[in-house]
Amino acid sequence: MAGAEETVELLATVPVFENLEREDLEKVAEVAVPRQFEKDQVVFREGDDSDTCYVVRSGHARAIRNHSDGRTITLARFGPGDIFGELAMFDDETRSATVEATDAVEALAVLGGDMRRLMGEHPDIGAKLVTALGRRLRAANERLARQSFQTVQSRVAQVVSQLVQRAREEDGAGDRDVLLIITQADMAQLAGSSRESASRFLAVLERAGIVTQGRGRLTVHDPDALQGYVF
């Protein structure tokens, strides 16, 4: 189990908490509870009561929604330092998506009621959290606006580049031959394209020697070359 100091250090890396002073982070750390989830275990389901937010310490998870035609759509992926379910800090509306662990996950769980009590006792914490969430919403809107003007090739190349950057931050991946564990379907969904369109573009990258595809994995040999496809 991590100590209080390590918990504070982890919280300090989370964008939602970036405006908080160390004293504020220590207050949040006091109400944070360690949780563990096995691979494929559901953290919460779409429609569940929204009562807890989670910060990933290690491992990975993804947010998914089930389409009416039976497909499962990946909305986002989470890794160390990411937060999900953060709206539970402000209200108890039902979950808008299902989150499941894609490998073993260690996380910090913070009950929404505990956070609301903290914000009631220390109003400046609430104000700082609202500011940080506003920035995240603005960034998400800008990202969606950019994607609406991008081609499928550009969106897929950008997603691959972002995943390479995360692999470097989390695993110390080098400048070349970066291994990504992700399916074509998940890649397509993150890029907002069909699997067929994403597959065709990945085949173009493979013929160019930029990537090599495998079952549920992608090796990016030349990450810098991806920028030539992003505009």
C-alpha atoms as a PDB file:
ATOM      1  CA  MET A   1       0.000   0.000   0.000  1.00  0.00           C
ATOM      2  CA  ALA A   2       1.337   3.411  -0.964  1.00  0.00           C
ATOM      3  CA  GLY A   3       2.131   5.940   1.718  1.00  0.00           C
ATOM      4  CA  ALA A   4       0.592   9.375   2.081  1.00  0.00           C
ATOM      5  CA  GLU A   5       3.586  11.058   0.453  1.00  0.00           C
ATOM      6  CA  GLU A   6       3.376   8.886  -2.657  1.00  0.00           C
ATOM      7  CA  THR A   7      -0.377   9.462  -2.846  1.00  0.00           C
ATOM      8  CA  VAL A   8       0.116  13.224  -2.776  1.00  0.00           C
ATOM      9  CA  GLU A   9       2.790  12.966  -5.476  1.00  0.00           C
ATOM     10  CA  LEU A  10       0.432  10.957  -7.689  1.00  0.00           C
ATOM     11  CA  LEU A  11      -2.449  13.403  -7.204  1.00  0.00           C
ATOM     12  CA  ALA A  12      -0.123  16.265  -8.141  1.00  0.00           C
ATOM     13  CA  THR A  13       0.310  14.713 -11.630  1.00  0.00           C
ATOM     14  CA  VAL A  14      -3.440  14.643 -12.332  1.00  0.00           C
ATOM     15  CA  PRO A  15      -4.534  17.574 -14.530  1.00  0.00           C
ATOM     16  CA  VAL A  16      -7.808  18.031 -12.623  1.00  0.00           C
ATOM     17  CA  PHE A  17      -5.816  18.686  -9.442  1.00  0.00           C
ATOM     18  CA  GLU A  18      -3.079  20.784 -11.063  1.00  0.00           C
ATOM     19  CA  ASN A  19      -4.302  24.034  -9.479  1.00  0.00           C
ATOM     20  CA  LEU A  20      -4.332  22.662  -5.926  1.00  0.00           C
ATOM     21  CA  GLU A  21      -1.682  23.601  -3.385  1.00  0.00           C
ATOM     22  CA  ARG A  22       0.166  20.827  -1.574  1.00  0.00           C
ATOM     23  CA  GLU A  23      -1.959  21.399   1.524  1.00  0.00           C
ATOM     24  CA  ASP A  24      -5.077  20.860  -0.586  1.00  0.00           C
ATOM     25  CA  LEU A  25      -3.621  17.703  -2.144  1.00  0.00           C
ATOM     26  CA  GLU A  26      -2.915  16.347   1.322  1.00  0.00           C
ATOM     27  CA  LYS A  27      -6.577  16.828   2.219  1.00  0.00           C
ATOM     28  CA  VAL A  28      -7.638  14.893  -0.888  1.00  0.00           C
ATOM     29  CA  ALA A  29      -5.063  12.184  -0.109  1.00  0.00           C
ATOM     30  CA  GLU A  30      -6.611  11.726   3.330  1.00  0.00           C
ATOM     31  CA  VAL A  31      -9.924  10.588   1.795  1.00  0.00           C
ATOM     32  CA  ALA A  32      -8.398   8.568  -1.070  1.00  0.00           C
ATOM     33  CA  VAL A  33      -8.697   4.787  -0.762  1.00  0.00           C
ATOM     34  CA  PRO A  34      -6.514   2.285  -2.694  1.00  0.00           C
ATOM     35  CA  ARG A  35      -8.423  -0.032  -5.017  1.00  0.00           C
ATOM     36  CA  GLN A  36      -7.321  -2.888  -7.249  1.00  0.00           C
ATOM     37  CA  PHE A  37      -8.990  -4.350 -10.335  1.00  0.00           C
ATOM     38  CA  GLU A  38      -8.091  -7.472 -12.257  1.00  0.00           C
ATOM     39  CA  LYS A  39      -7.757  -7.611 -16.046  1.00  0.00           C
ATOM     40  CA  ASP A  40     -11.208  -7.332 -17.702  1.00  0.00           C
ATOM     41  CA  GLN A  41     -12.877  -6.458 -14.394  1.00  0.00           C
ATOM     42  CA  VAL A  42     -15.575  -3.786 -14.670  1.00  0.00           C
ATOM     43  CA  VAL A  43     -14.936  -0.756 -12.466  1.00  0.00           C
ATOM     44  CA  PHE A  44     -18.435   0.590 -13.034  1.00  0.00           C
ATOM     45  CA  ARG A  45     -21.162   0.235 -15.644  1.00  0.00           C
ATOM     46  CA  GLU A  46     -23.090   2.699 -17.728  1.00  0.00           C
ATOM     47  CA  GLY A  47     -26.213   3.627 -15.749  1.00  0.00           C
ATOM     48  CA  ASP A  48     -24.660   2.938 -12.325  1.00  0.00           C
ATOM     49  CA  ASP A  49     -24.875   5.603  -9.655  1.00  0.00           C
ATOM     50  CA  SER A  50     -21.982   8.040  -9.955  1.00  0.00           C
ATOM     51  CA  ASP A  51     -20.499   8.027  -6.461  1.00  0.00           C
ATOM     52  CA  THR A  52     -16.709   7.624  -6.884  1.00  0.00           C
ATOM     53  CA  CYS A  53     -13.896   8.958  -9.041  1.00  0.00           C
ATOM     54  CA  TYR A  54     -10.657   7.065  -9.686  1.00  0.00           C
ATOM     55  CA  VAL A  55      -7.032   8.002 -10.298  1.00  0.00           C
ATOM     56  CA  VAL A  56      -4.930   5.321 -12.006  1.00  0.00           C
ATOM     57  CA  ARG A  57      -1.710   4.486 -10.186  1.00  0.00           C
ATOM     58  CA  SER A  58      -0.651   1.629 -12.473  1.00  0.00           C
ATOM     59  CA  GLY A  59      -2.203  -0.400 -15.252  1.00  0.00           C
ATOM     60  CA  HIS A  60      -4.740   0.628 -17.876  1.00  0.00           C
ATOM     61  CA  ALA A  61      -8.486   0.864 -18.337  1.00  0.00           C
ATOM     62  CA  ARG A  62     -10.874   1.950 -21.038  1.00  0.00           C
ATOM     63  CA  ALA A  63     -14.254   3.646 -21.217  1.00  0.00           C
ATOM     64  CA  ILE A  64     -16.744   1.886 -23.488  1.00  0.00           C
ATOM     65  CA  ARG A  65     -20.366   2.167 -24.551  1.00  0.00           C
ATOM     66  CA  ASN A  66     -22.559  -0.500 -26.086  1.00  0.00           C
ATOM     67  CA  HIS A  67     -24.165   0.528 -29.371  1.00  0.00           C
ATOM     68  CA  SER A  68     -27.743  -0.455 -30.132  1.00  0.00           C
ATOM     69  CA  ASP A  69     -26.497  -2.725 -32.945  1.00  0.00           C
ATOM     70  CA  GLY A  70     -24.439  -4.764 -30.464  1.00  0.00           C
ATOM     71  CA  ARG A  71     -21.040  -3.160 -31.082  1.00  0.00           C
ATOM     72  CA  THR A  72     -18.823  -2.062 -28.215  1.00  0.00           C
ATOM     73  CA  ILE A  73     -17.362   1.395 -28.796  1.00  0.00           C
ATOM     74  CA  THR A  74     -14.181   2.534 -27.057  1.00  0.00           C
ATOM     75  CA  LEU A  75     -14.451   6.175 -25.975  1.00  0.00           C
ATOM     76  CA  ALA A  76     -11.165   6.657 -24.103  1.00  0.00           C
ATOM     77  CA  ARG A  77      -8.190   4.852 -22.620  1.00  0.00           C
ATOM     78  CA  PHE A  78      -6.665   5.572 -19.211  1.00  0.00           C
ATOM     79  CA  GLY A  79      -3.194   4.981 -17.813  1.00  0.00           C
ATOM     80  CA  PRO A  80      -1.083   6.061 -14.821  1.00  0.00           C
ATOM     81  CA  GLY A  81      -1.934   9.583 -13.704  1.00  0.00           C
ATOM     82  CA  ASP A  82      -5.289   9.646 -15.489  1.00  0.00           C
ATOM     83  CA  ILE A  83      -8.582  10.273 -13.723  1.00  0.00           C
ATOM     84  CA  PHE A  84     -12.001   8.947 -14.686  1.00  0.00           C
ATOM     85  CA  GLY A  85     -15.454   9.313 -13.208  1.00  0.00           C
ATOM     86  CA  GLU A  86     -14.437  12.784 -12.029  1.00  0.00           C
ATOM     87  CA  LEU A  87     -17.933  14.256 -12.336  1.00  0.00           C
ATOM     88  CA  ALA A  88     -18.819  12.199  -9.258  1.00  0.00           C
ATOM     89  CA  MET A  89     -16.994  14.896  -7.289  1.00  0.00           C
ATOM     90  CA  PHE A  90     -19.810  17.284  -8.141  1.00  0.00           C
ATOM     91  CA  ASP A  91     -23.021  15.287  -8.490  1.00  0.00           C
ATOM     92  CA  ASP A  92     -24.468  11.785  -8.235  1.00  0.00           C
ATOM     93  CA  GLU A  93     -25.885  11.447 -11.745  1.00  0.00           C
ATOM     94  CA  THR A  94     -25.670   8.015 -13.370  1.00  0.00           C
ATOM     95  CA  ARG A  95     -22.560   6.910 -15.268  1.00  0.00           C
ATOM     96  CA  SER A  96     -22.504   7.773 -18.962  1.00  0.00           C
ATOM     97  CA  ALA A  97     -20.165   4.896 -19.898  1.00  0.00           C
ATOM     98  CA  THR A  98     -18.723   1.614 -18.644  1.00  0.00           C
ATOM     99  CA  VAL A  99     -15.094   1.493 -17.521  1.00  0.00           C
ATOM    100  CA  GLU A 100     -13.195  -1.793 -17.475  1.00  0.00           C
ATOM    101  CA  ALA A 101      -9.592  -2.703 -16.685  1.00  0.00           C
ATOM    102  CA  THR A 102      -7.588  -3.821 -19.723  1.00  0.00           C
ATOM    103  CA  ASP A 103      -4.826  -5.150 -17.465  1.00  0.00           C
ATOM    104  CA  ALA A 104      -4.283  -5.247 -13.710  1.00  0.00           C
ATOM    105  CA  VAL A 105      -5.043  -1.794 -12.319  1.00  0.00           C
ATOM    106  CA  GLU A 106      -4.090  -0.124  -9.060  1.00  0.00           C
ATOM    107  CA  ALA A 107      -6.046   3.049  -8.422  1.00  0.00           C
ATOM    108  CA  LEU A 108      -7.040   5.621  -5.854  1.00  0.00           C
ATOM    109  CA  ALA A 109     -10.775   5.899  -5.226  1.00  0.00           C
ATOM    110  CA  VAL A 110     -12.281   9.109  -3.903  1.00  0.00           C
ATOM    111  CA  LEU A 111     -15.927   9.120  -2.871  1.00  0.00           C
ATOM    112  CA  GLY A 112     -17.913  11.978  -4.315  1.00  0.00           C
ATOM    113  CA  GLY A 113     -19.442  12.674  -0.914  1.00  0.00           C
ATOM    114  CA  ASP A 114     -15.995  13.052   0.646  1.00  0.00           C
ATOM    115  CA  MET A 115     -14.929  15.494  -2.079  1.00  0.00           C
ATOM    116  CA  ARG A 116     -18.100  17.543  -1.743  1.00  0.00           C
ATOM    117  CA  ARG A 117     -17.555  17.727   2.007  1.00  0.00           C
ATOM    118  CA  LEU A 118     -13.988  18.921   1.425  1.00  0.00           C
ATOM    119  CA  MET A 119     -15.177  21.547  -1.030  1.00  0.00           C
ATOM    120  CA  GLY A 120     -17.783  22.691   1.487  1.00  0.00           C
ATOM    121  CA  GLU A 121     -15.143  23.081   4.180  1.00  0.00           C
ATOM    122  CA  HIS A 122     -12.576  24.608   1.792  1.00  0.00           C
ATOM    123  CA  PRO A 123     -14.409  26.506  -0.992  1.00  0.00           C
ATOM    124  CA  ASP A 124     -11.135  27.391  -2.736  1.00  0.00           C
ATOM    125  CA  ILE A 125     -10.626  23.698  -3.547  1.00  0.00           C
ATOM    126  CA  GLY A 126     -13.974  23.610  -5.365  1.00  0.00           C
ATOM    127  CA  ALA A 127     -13.177  26.765  -7.307  1.00  0.00           C
ATOM    128  CA  LYS A 128      -9.817  25.385  -8.445  1.00  0.00           C
ATOM    129  CA  LEU A 129     -11.365  22.050  -9.487  1.00  0.00           C
ATOM    130  CA  VAL A 130     -14.060  23.805 -11.532  1.00  0.00           C
ATOM    131  CA  THR A 131     -11.369  25.848 -13.300  1.00  0.00           C
ATOM    132  CA  ALA A 132      -9.356  22.723 -14.119  1.00  0.00           C
ATOM    133  CA  LEU A 133     -12.425  20.851 -15.383  1.00  0.00           C
ATOM    134  CA  GLY A 134     -13.327  23.843 -17.527  1.00  0.00           C
ATOM    135  CA  ARG A 135      -9.914  23.700 -19.153  1.00  0.00           C
ATOM    136  CA  ARG A 136     -10.331  19.990 -19.824  1.00  0.00           C
ATOM    137  CA  LEU A 137     -13.730  20.593 -21.412  1.00  0.00           C
ATOM    138  CA  ARG A 138     -12.326  23.382 -23.588  1.00  0.00           C
ATOM    139  CA  ALA A 139      -9.446  21.163 -24.709  1.00  0.00           C
ATOM    140  CA  ALA A 140     -11.879  18.340 -25.520  1.00  0.00           C
ATOM    141  CA  ASN A 141     -14.025  20.698 -27.591  1.00  0.00           C
ATOM    142  CA  GLU A 142     -10.983  21.966 -29.478  1.00  0.00           C
ATOM    143  CA  ARG A 143      -9.876  18.391 -30.148  1.00  0.00           C
ATOM    144  CA  LEU A 144     -13.300  17.499 -31.540  1.00  0.00           C
ATOM    145  CA  ALA A 145     -13.288  20.611 -33.703  1.00  0.00           C
ATOM    146  CA  ARG A 146      -9.868  19.697 -35.131  1.00  0.00           C
ATOM    147  CA  GLN A 147     -10.959  16.140 -35.807  1.00  0.00           C
ATOM    148  CA  SER A 148     -14.009  17.323 -37.738  1.00  0.00           C
ATOM    149  CA  PHE A 149     -11.651  18.921 -40.304  1.00  0.00           C
ATOM    150  CA  GLN A 150      -9.115  16.093 -40.402  1.00  0.00           C
ATOM    151  CA  THR A 151      -9.031  13.155 -42.787  1.00  0.00           C
ATOM    152  CA  VAL A 152      -9.132   9.602 -41.446  1.00  0.00           C
ATOM    153  CA  GLN A 153      -5.406   9.280 -42.187  1.00  0.00           C
ATOM    154  CA  SER A 154      -4.629  12.375 -40.143  1.00  0.00           C
ATOM    155  CA  ARG A 155      -6.778  11.260 -37.205  1.00  0.00           C
ATOM    156  CA  VAL A 156      -5.311   7.749 -37.097  1.00  0.00           C
ATOM    157  CA  ALA A 157      -1.738   9.060 -37.391  1.00  0.00           C
ATOM    158  CA  GLN A 158      -2.412  11.482 -34.548  1.00  0.00           C
ATOM    159  CA  VAL A 159      -3.823   8.729 -32.311  1.00  0.00           C
ATOM    160  CA  VAL A 160      -0.790   6.525 -32.993  1.00  0.00           C
ATOM    161  CA  SER A 161       1.516   9.454 -32.179  1.00  0.00           C
ATOM    162  CA  GLN A 162      -0.308  10.087 -28.906  1.00  0.00           C
ATOM    163  CA  LEU A 163      -0.064   6.414 -27.943  1.00  0.00           C
ATOM    164  CA  VAL A 164       3.661   6.440 -28.722  1.00  0.00           C
ATOM    165  CA  GLN A 165       4.101   9.468 -26.467  1.00  0.00           C
ATOM    166  CA  ARG A 166       2.252   7.710 -23.662  1.00  0.00           C
ATOM    167  CA  ALA A 167       4.424   4.594 -24.085  1.00  0.00           C
ATOM    168  CA  ARG A 168       7.493   6.801 -23.733  1.00  0.00           C
ATOM    169  CA  GLU A 169       6.158   8.449 -20.589  1.00  0.00           C
ATOM    170  CA  GLU A 170       4.984   5.222 -18.937  1.00  0.00           C
ATOM    171  CA  ASP A 171       7.452   2.601 -20.110  1.00  0.00           C
ATOM    172  CA  GLY A 172      10.498   4.586 -21.167  1.00  0.00           C
ATOM    173  CA  ALA A 173      10.070   3.560 -24.813  1.00  0.00           C
ATOM    174  CA  GLY A 174      12.839   4.759 -27.111  1.00  0.00           C
ATOM    175  CA  ASP A 175      12.866   6.835 -30.267  1.00  0.00           C
ATOM    176  CA  ARG A 176      12.178   3.849 -32.538  1.00  0.00           C
ATOM    177  CA  ASP A 177      10.427   0.468 -32.505  1.00  0.00           C
ATOM    178  CA  VAL A 178       7.788   1.443 -29.954  1.00  0.00           C
ATOM    179  CA  LEU A 179       5.371  -1.399 -29.154  1.00  0.00           C
ATOM    180  CA  LEU A 180       1.702  -0.471 -28.698  1.00  0.00           C
ATOM    181  CA  ILE A 181      -0.782  -2.998 -27.321  1.00  0.00           C
ATOM    182  CA  ILE A 182      -4.018  -2.038 -29.041  1.00  0.00           C
ATOM    183  CA  THR A 183      -6.469  -3.600 -31.483  1.00  0.00           C
ATOM    184  CA  GLN A 184      -7.369  -2.105 -34.851  1.00  0.00           C
ATOM    185  CA  ALA A 185     -10.938  -1.697 -33.615  1.00  0.00           C
ATOM    186  CA  ASP A 186      -9.866   0.348 -30.589  1.00  0.00           C
ATOM    187  CA  MET A 187      -7.497   2.396 -32.728  1.00  0.00           C
ATOM    188  CA  ALA A 188     -10.313   3.195 -35.152  1.00  0.00           C
ATOM    189  CA  GLN A 189     -12.731   4.136 -32.407  1.00  0.00           C
ATOM    190  CA  LEU A 190     -10.232   6.468 -30.750  1.00  0.00           C
ATOM    191  CA  ALA A 191      -9.700   8.116 -34.129  1.00  0.00           C
ATOM    192  CA  GLY A 192     -13.430   8.367 -34.837  1.00  0.00           C
ATOM    193  CA  SER A 193     -13.244   6.250 -37.992  1.00  0.00           C
ATOM    194  CA  SER A 194     -14.443   2.891 -39.212  1.00  0.00           C
ATOM    195  CA  ARG A 195     -12.217  -0.119 -38.630  1.00  0.00           C
ATOM    196  CA  GLU A 196     -11.969  -0.658 -42.385  1.00  0.00           C
ATOM    197  CA  SER A 197     -10.704   2.888 -43.029  1.00  0.00           C
ATOM    198  CA  ALA A 198      -8.184   2.706 -40.188  1.00  0.00           C
ATOM    199  CA  SER A 199      -7.004  -0.713 -41.393  1.00  0.00           C
ATOM    200  CA  ARG A 200      -6.397   0.593 -44.916  1.00  0.00           C
ATOM    201  CA  PHE A 201      -4.289   3.471 -43.621  1.00  0.00           C
ATOM    202  CA  LEU A 202      -2.306   1.241 -41.249  1.00  0.00           C
ATOM    203  CA  ALA A 203      -1.559  -0.971 -44.250  1.00  0.00           C
ATOM    204  CA  VAL A 204      -0.185   2.116 -46.046  1.00  0.00           C
ATOM    205  CA  LEU A 205       2.053   2.843 -43.055  1.00  0.00           C
ATOM    206  CA  GLU A 206       3.193  -0.782 -42.989  1.00  0.00           C
ATOM    207  CA  ARG A 207       4.134  -0.737 -46.683  1.00  0.00           C
ATOM    208  CA  ALA A 208       6.117   2.424 -46.012  1.00  0.00           C
ATOM    209  CA  GLY A 209       8.037   0.629 -43.243  1.00  0.00           C
ATOM    210  CA  ILE A 210       6.741   2.985 -40.564  1.00  0.00           C
ATOM    211  CA  VAL A 211       4.832   0.320 -38.608  1.00  0.00           C
ATOM    212  CA  THR A 212       4.451  -3.432 -38.365  1.00  0.00           C
ATOM    213  CA  GLN A 213       1.080  -4.859 -37.411  1.00  0.00           C
ATOM    214  CA  GLY A 214       0.428  -7.897 -35.235  1.00  0.00           C
ATOM    215  CA  ARG A 215      -2.553  -9.409 -33.498  1.00  0.00           C
ATOM    216  CA  GLY A 216      -3.658  -6.799 -30.963  1.00  0.00           C
ATOM    217  CA  ARG A 217      -0.381  -4.894 -31.256  1.00  0.00           C
ATOM    218  CA  LEU A 218       1.382  -2.336 -33.406  1.00  0.00           C
ATOM    219  CA  THR A 219       5.131  -1.696 -33.554  1.00  0.00           C
ATOM    220  CA  VAL A 220       5.955   1.843 -34.610  1.00  0.00           C
ATOM    221  CA  HIS A 221       9.415   1.797 -36.164  1.00  0.00           C
ATOM    222  CA  ASP A 222       9.614   5.477 -37.098  1.00  0.00           C
ATOM    223  CA  PRO A 223       7.328   7.624 -34.894  1.00  0.00           C
ATOM    224  CA  ASP A 224       8.631  10.890 -36.371  1.00  0.00           C
ATOM    225  CA  ALA A 225       7.396   9.871 -39.818  1.00  0.00           C
ATOM    226  CA  LEU A 226       3.809   9.908 -38.542  1.00  0.00           C
ATOM    227  CA  GLN A 227       3.884  13.698 -38.405  1.00  0.00           C
ATOM    228  CA  GLY A 228       3.955  13.743 -42.191  1.00  0.00           C
ATOM    229  CA  TYR A 229       0.400  12.439 -42.151  1.00  0.00           C
ATOM    230  CA  VAL A 230      -0.993  14.808 -39.492  1.00  0.00           C
ATOM    231  CA  PHE A 231      -2.436  18.146 -40.587  1.00  0.00           C
END
